[in-house]
């Protein structure tokens, strides 16, 4: 009797583990991005404002943190991003994010044990050569004002990141020398959002304009299920091409462009 019970119990455990493993190994959601050439941004913004997201854009403020030499952005295992953002009408939040070229299931298990709030996304960019990457990110909300970061010293930067976020970095093998970090910013952003019903997109779309002095970055993005990523990217690009909004070839990420801008000032 006991032997029979134990046998059934082991079968149930095995089945449960198989289901959990299958769910865990499913493709994560994907973020699809399209960057507009700088000399075409004015036209693209006009198209968005008149044809898609009528009304005043939301205002965001963004700061990044890295060393003067951009050691985190140039991390050998993949770029590491430390960011703080204030979205209009919402509490400030910090983000720890790092990118990898390929998915690492063993690492994901460690990270999810630290926080169930971990976001895992495939990231693919129109016009960029090579396979899509994968990102791991964790946010933390704060009551204090984002303006505290203007000219902040090292100890104040470290205080903007939670213990869970710091554990996440450690688990990924990322060593942050908090005493060497600098504040990169402030970046002012205008953000438009709308629901696009065209069957080629069929989801919420975000248009984001970053102002870096006289320079601008304009990105269109959406989040989709992770399957058939190449087809979804093709459809996203084709939809905006029909509205004369074209993807620039082989663009850098917004983060990389912003860090390079501030590092060379």
Protein backbone atom coordinates (compact mmCIF):
# COMPACT_ATOMS: atom_id res chain seq x y z
CA UNK A 1 0.00 0.00 0.00
CA UNK A 2 2.75 2.43 1.01
CA UNK A 3 4.79 1.42 -2.05
CA UNK A 4 1.77 2.08 -4.30
CA UNK A 5 1.18 5.51 -2.67
CA UNK A 6 4.82 6.51 -3.06
CA UNK A 7 4.81 5.41 -6.69
CA UNK A 8 1.75 7.56 -7.44
CA UNK A 9 3.30 10.47 -5.53
CA UNK A 10 6.48 10.29 -7.60
CA UNK A 11 4.45 10.22 -10.82
CA UNK A 12 2.53 13.33 -9.74
CA UNK A 13 5.73 15.14 -8.82
CA UNK A 14 7.32 14.21 -12.13
CA UNK A 15 4.28 15.40 -14.07
CA UNK A 16 4.19 18.64 -12.09
CA UNK A 17 7.88 19.25 -12.78
CA UNK A 18 7.36 18.56 -16.49
CA UNK A 19 4.49 21.05 -16.69
CA UNK A 20 6.50 23.66 -14.77
CA UNK A 21 9.55 23.14 -17.00
CA UNK A 22 7.45 23.39 -20.16
CA UNK A 23 5.83 26.63 -18.99
CA UNK A 24 9.17 28.02 -17.90
CA UNK A 25 10.76 27.23 -21.26
CA UNK A 26 8.03 28.93 -23.30
CA UNK A 27 9.11 31.83 -25.45
CA UNK A 28 8.99 35.12 -23.53
CA UNK A 29 7.06 38.07 -24.90
CA UNK A 30 8.90 40.16 -27.45
CA UNK A 31 9.48 43.89 -27.80
CA UNK A 32 9.73 45.06 -31.41
CA UNK A 33 11.45 48.39 -32.04
CA UNK A 34 11.80 50.70 -35.02
CA UNK A 35 14.08 53.75 -35.07
CA UNK A 36 13.55 56.68 -37.43
CA UNK A 37 16.46 58.47 -39.12
CA UNK A 38 17.15 61.79 -37.37
CA UNK A 39 16.43 63.90 -40.44
CA UNK A 40 13.02 62.18 -40.81
CA UNK A 41 11.90 62.54 -37.19
CA UNK A 42 9.84 65.69 -37.77
CA UNK A 43 7.81 64.00 -40.51
CA UNK A 44 7.34 60.85 -38.44
CA UNK A 45 6.19 62.80 -35.38
CA UNK A 46 3.66 64.72 -37.48
CA UNK A 47 2.32 61.44 -38.86
CA UNK A 48 1.98 59.98 -35.35
CA UNK A 49 0.29 63.09 -33.91
CA UNK A 50 -2.14 63.54 -36.81
CA UNK A 51 -2.89 59.92 -37.66
CA UNK A 52 -2.44 57.79 -34.56
CA UNK A 53 -2.05 59.38 -31.13
CA UNK A 54 -3.91 62.65 -31.18
CA UNK A 55 -3.44 64.79 -28.10
CA UNK A 56 -0.62 65.89 -25.83
CA UNK A 57 2.15 63.35 -25.23
CA UNK A 58 3.06 62.21 -21.72
CA UNK A 59 6.23 63.68 -20.25
CA UNK A 60 8.97 61.40 -18.91
CA UNK A 61 12.33 62.20 -17.33
CA UNK A 62 15.14 59.65 -17.44
CA UNK A 63 18.58 59.24 -15.86
CA UNK A 64 21.21 56.56 -16.50
CA UNK A 65 24.15 55.55 -14.33
CA UNK A 66 27.50 54.21 -15.49
CA UNK A 67 31.20 54.85 -15.01
CA UNK A 68 32.99 57.54 -16.99
CA UNK A 69 34.42 54.74 -19.18
CA UNK A 70 30.95 53.15 -19.64
CA UNK A 71 32.06 49.89 -18.03
CA UNK A 72 28.49 48.66 -17.54
CA UNK A 73 27.44 49.35 -21.13
CA UNK A 74 30.58 47.55 -22.28
CA UNK A 75 30.24 44.60 -19.89
CA UNK A 76 31.75 41.51 -21.53
CA UNK A 77 28.72 39.32 -20.75
CA UNK A 78 26.35 41.83 -22.33
CA UNK A 79 25.27 45.44 -21.67
CA UNK A 80 24.11 46.29 -18.14
CA UNK A 81 21.68 49.17 -17.70
CA UNK A 82 21.00 51.11 -14.50
CA UNK A 83 18.20 53.62 -15.00
CA UNK A 84 15.74 55.85 -13.15
CA UNK A 85 12.59 57.14 -14.80
CA UNK A 86 9.70 59.41 -13.83
CA UNK A 87 6.57 58.84 -15.89
CA UNK A 88 3.99 61.61 -15.84
CA UNK A 89 1.47 61.00 -13.07
CA UNK A 90 3.35 58.00 -11.63
CA UNK A 91 5.91 57.33 -8.92
CA UNK A 92 9.60 57.37 -9.88
CA UNK A 93 11.18 53.98 -10.43
CA UNK A 94 14.62 52.53 -10.93
CA UNK A 95 15.43 49.67 -13.28
CA UNK A 96 18.20 47.11 -13.37
CA UNK A 97 18.40 45.54 -16.81
CA UNK A 98 20.92 43.44 -18.65
CA UNK A 99 20.96 41.97 -22.11
CA UNK A 100 22.27 38.65 -23.41
CA UNK A 101 22.68 37.36 -26.96
CA UNK A 102 20.92 34.09 -26.15
CA UNK A 103 18.48 32.86 -23.53
CA UNK A 104 19.96 31.32 -20.38
CA UNK A 105 17.41 29.11 -18.57
CA UNK A 106 19.75 28.34 -15.65
CA UNK A 107 20.25 32.05 -15.06
CA UNK A 108 16.51 32.68 -15.34
CA UNK A 109 15.81 30.19 -12.55
CA UNK A 110 18.23 32.02 -10.25
CA UNK A 111 16.76 35.41 -11.10
CA UNK A 112 13.13 34.33 -10.65
CA UNK A 113 14.02 32.95 -7.22
CA UNK A 114 15.17 36.47 -6.29
CA UNK A 115 12.01 38.15 -7.59
CA UNK A 116 8.85 36.92 -9.27
CA UNK A 117 8.54 40.44 -10.74
CA UNK A 118 11.43 39.79 -13.12
CA UNK A 119 10.63 40.78 -16.72
CA UNK A 120 12.07 38.58 -19.48
CA UNK A 121 11.74 39.85 -23.03
CA UNK A 122 13.11 39.13 -26.45
CA UNK A 123 14.28 42.39 -28.02
CA UNK A 124 14.42 42.82 -31.76
CA UNK A 125 15.18 46.00 -33.68
CA UNK A 126 14.20 46.74 -37.30
CA UNK A 127 17.22 47.11 -39.54
CA UNK A 128 19.68 45.65 -37.04
CA UNK A 129 21.84 42.78 -38.19
CA UNK A 130 22.07 39.54 -36.23
CA UNK A 131 19.63 37.56 -34.07
CA UNK A 132 17.27 39.07 -31.49
CA UNK A 133 18.68 39.41 -27.98
CA UNK A 134 17.10 38.70 -24.61
CA UNK A 135 16.73 41.11 -21.69
CA UNK A 136 16.19 40.61 -17.96
CA UNK A 137 14.83 43.57 -15.98
CA UNK A 138 13.58 44.38 -12.48
CA UNK A 139 11.96 47.65 -11.38
CA UNK A 140 11.64 49.27 -7.96
CA UNK A 141 9.35 52.19 -7.10
CA UNK A 142 10.35 55.13 -4.89
CA UNK A 143 8.54 57.85 -2.95
CA UNK A 144 11.37 60.39 -3.20
CA UNK A 145 11.49 62.87 -6.10
CA UNK A 146 13.56 62.12 -9.17
CA UNK A 147 15.09 65.60 -8.93
CA UNK A 148 17.31 64.27 -6.11
CA UNK A 149 19.44 62.64 -8.81
CA UNK A 150 20.46 65.94 -10.40
CA UNK A 151 24.20 66.06 -9.68
CA UNK A 152 23.86 63.23 -7.14
CA UNK A 153 26.89 61.72 -5.41
CA UNK A 154 27.72 58.00 -5.48
CA UNK A 155 25.99 57.12 -2.20
CA UNK A 156 22.73 58.65 -3.40
CA UNK A 157 22.88 56.66 -6.66
CA UNK A 158 23.25 53.35 -4.80
CA UNK A 159 20.27 54.22 -2.60
CA UNK A 160 18.01 54.30 -5.67
CA UNK A 161 18.39 50.55 -6.18
CA UNK A 162 16.74 47.93 -3.98
CA UNK A 163 18.42 44.95 -2.35
CA UNK A 164 16.58 42.65 -4.79
CA UNK A 165 17.94 44.58 -7.76
CA UNK A 166 21.47 44.34 -6.37
CA UNK A 167 21.05 40.60 -5.78
CA UNK A 168 19.93 40.27 -9.39
CA UNK A 169 23.19 41.81 -10.57
CA UNK A 170 25.23 39.53 -8.31
CA UNK A 171 23.39 36.43 -9.55
CA UNK A 172 24.19 37.45 -13.14
CA UNK A 173 27.87 37.83 -12.27
CA UNK A 174 27.80 41.62 -12.68
CA UNK A 175 30.03 43.57 -10.31
CA UNK A 176 29.05 47.21 -9.90
CA UNK A 177 31.53 49.62 -8.36
CA UNK A 178 28.90 51.99 -6.97
CA UNK A 179 31.59 54.46 -5.92
CA UNK A 180 32.59 55.03 -9.56
CA UNK A 181 29.13 55.66 -10.99
CA UNK A 182 28.19 58.95 -12.62
CA UNK A 183 24.78 60.44 -13.37
CA UNK A 184 23.95 60.61 -17.09
CA UNK A 185 20.99 62.90 -17.69
CA UNK A 186 18.50 64.36 -17.40
CA UNK A 187 16.81 63.17 -20.58
CA UNK A 188 13.40 64.66 -21.34
CA UNK A 189 11.07 62.42 -23.33
CA UNK A 190 7.69 62.82 -25.02
CA UNK A 191 5.69 59.59 -25.13
CA UNK A 192 2.62 58.83 -27.27
CA UNK A 193 0.61 55.61 -26.92
CA UNK A 194 -2.31 54.18 -28.88
CA UNK A 195 -4.05 50.92 -29.72
CA UNK A 196 -3.34 50.00 -33.35
CA UNK A 197 -6.10 47.84 -34.83
CA UNK A 198 -4.45 47.13 -38.19
CA UNK A 199 -4.09 43.34 -38.33
CA UNK A 200 -0.36 43.63 -39.03
CA UNK A 201 0.14 45.22 -35.61
CA UNK A 202 -3.02 44.61 -33.54
CA UNK A 203 -1.64 45.76 -30.18
CA UNK A 204 -0.64 48.85 -28.19
CA UNK A 205 2.07 50.97 -29.80
CA UNK A 206 4.42 53.44 -28.10
CA UNK A 207 6.21 56.32 -29.83
CA UNK A 208 9.01 57.87 -27.79
CA UNK A 209 11.01 61.02 -28.54
CA UNK A 210 14.22 61.58 -26.54
CA UNK A 211 15.85 64.98 -26.52
CA UNK A 212 19.65 64.98 -26.13
CA UNK A 213 20.60 68.63 -26.46
CA UNK A 214 20.18 69.42 -30.15
CA UNK A 215 19.95 65.70 -30.98
CA UNK A 216 16.77 63.63 -31.06
CA UNK A 217 15.96 59.91 -30.94
CA UNK A 218 12.56 58.68 -32.14
CA UNK A 219 11.52 55.10 -31.52
CA UNK A 220 8.31 53.20 -32.26
CA UNK A 221 7.73 49.97 -30.37
CA UNK A 222 5.19 47.33 -29.43
CA UNK A 223 5.08 44.16 -27.36
CA UNK A 224 3.91 40.90 -28.87
CA UNK A 225 3.95 37.15 -28.12
CA UNK A 226 7.39 35.67 -28.74
CA UNK A 227 6.37 33.29 -31.53
CA UNK A 228 6.86 34.05 -35.25
CA UNK A 229 9.05 36.99 -34.36
CA UNK A 230 10.47 37.51 -37.84
CA UNK A 231 7.00 37.70 -39.38
CA UNK A 232 5.78 40.07 -36.66
CA UNK A 233 8.76 42.35 -37.26
CA UNK A 234 8.13 42.32 -41.02
CA UNK A 235 4.48 43.26 -40.46
CA UNK A 236 5.36 46.05 -38.01
CA UNK A 237 7.87 47.60 -40.43
CA UNK A 238 5.51 47.22 -43.42
CA UNK A 239 2.65 48.92 -41.57
CA UNK A 240 4.71 52.04 -40.81
CA UNK A 241 6.29 52.04 -44.25
CA UNK A 242 2.77 52.43 -45.65
CA UNK A 243 2.59 55.63 -43.57
CA UNK A 244 5.99 56.83 -44.86
CA UNK A 245 7.74 56.06 -41.57
CA UNK A 246 10.89 54.12 -42.42
CA UNK A 247 13.28 52.17 -40.21
CA UNK A 248 16.88 53.37 -40.10
CA UNK A 249 19.53 50.72 -40.84
CA UNK A 250 21.52 49.13 -37.98
CA UNK A 251 20.66 51.63 -35.21
CA UNK A 252 22.14 51.77 -31.72
CA UNK A 253 19.74 51.42 -28.78
CA UNK A 254 18.35 54.55 -27.12
CA UNK A 255 20.41 53.76 -24.03
CA UNK A 256 23.68 53.43 -25.96
CA UNK A 257 23.07 56.65 -27.87
CA UNK A 258 22.25 58.52 -24.65
CA UNK A 259 25.29 57.20 -22.77
CA UNK A 260 27.62 58.06 -25.65
CA UNK A 261 26.14 61.55 -25.82
CA UNK A 262 26.68 62.31 -22.13
CA UNK A 263 30.05 60.54 -21.93
CA UNK A 264 31.50 62.79 -24.64
CA UNK A 265 30.14 66.08 -23.33
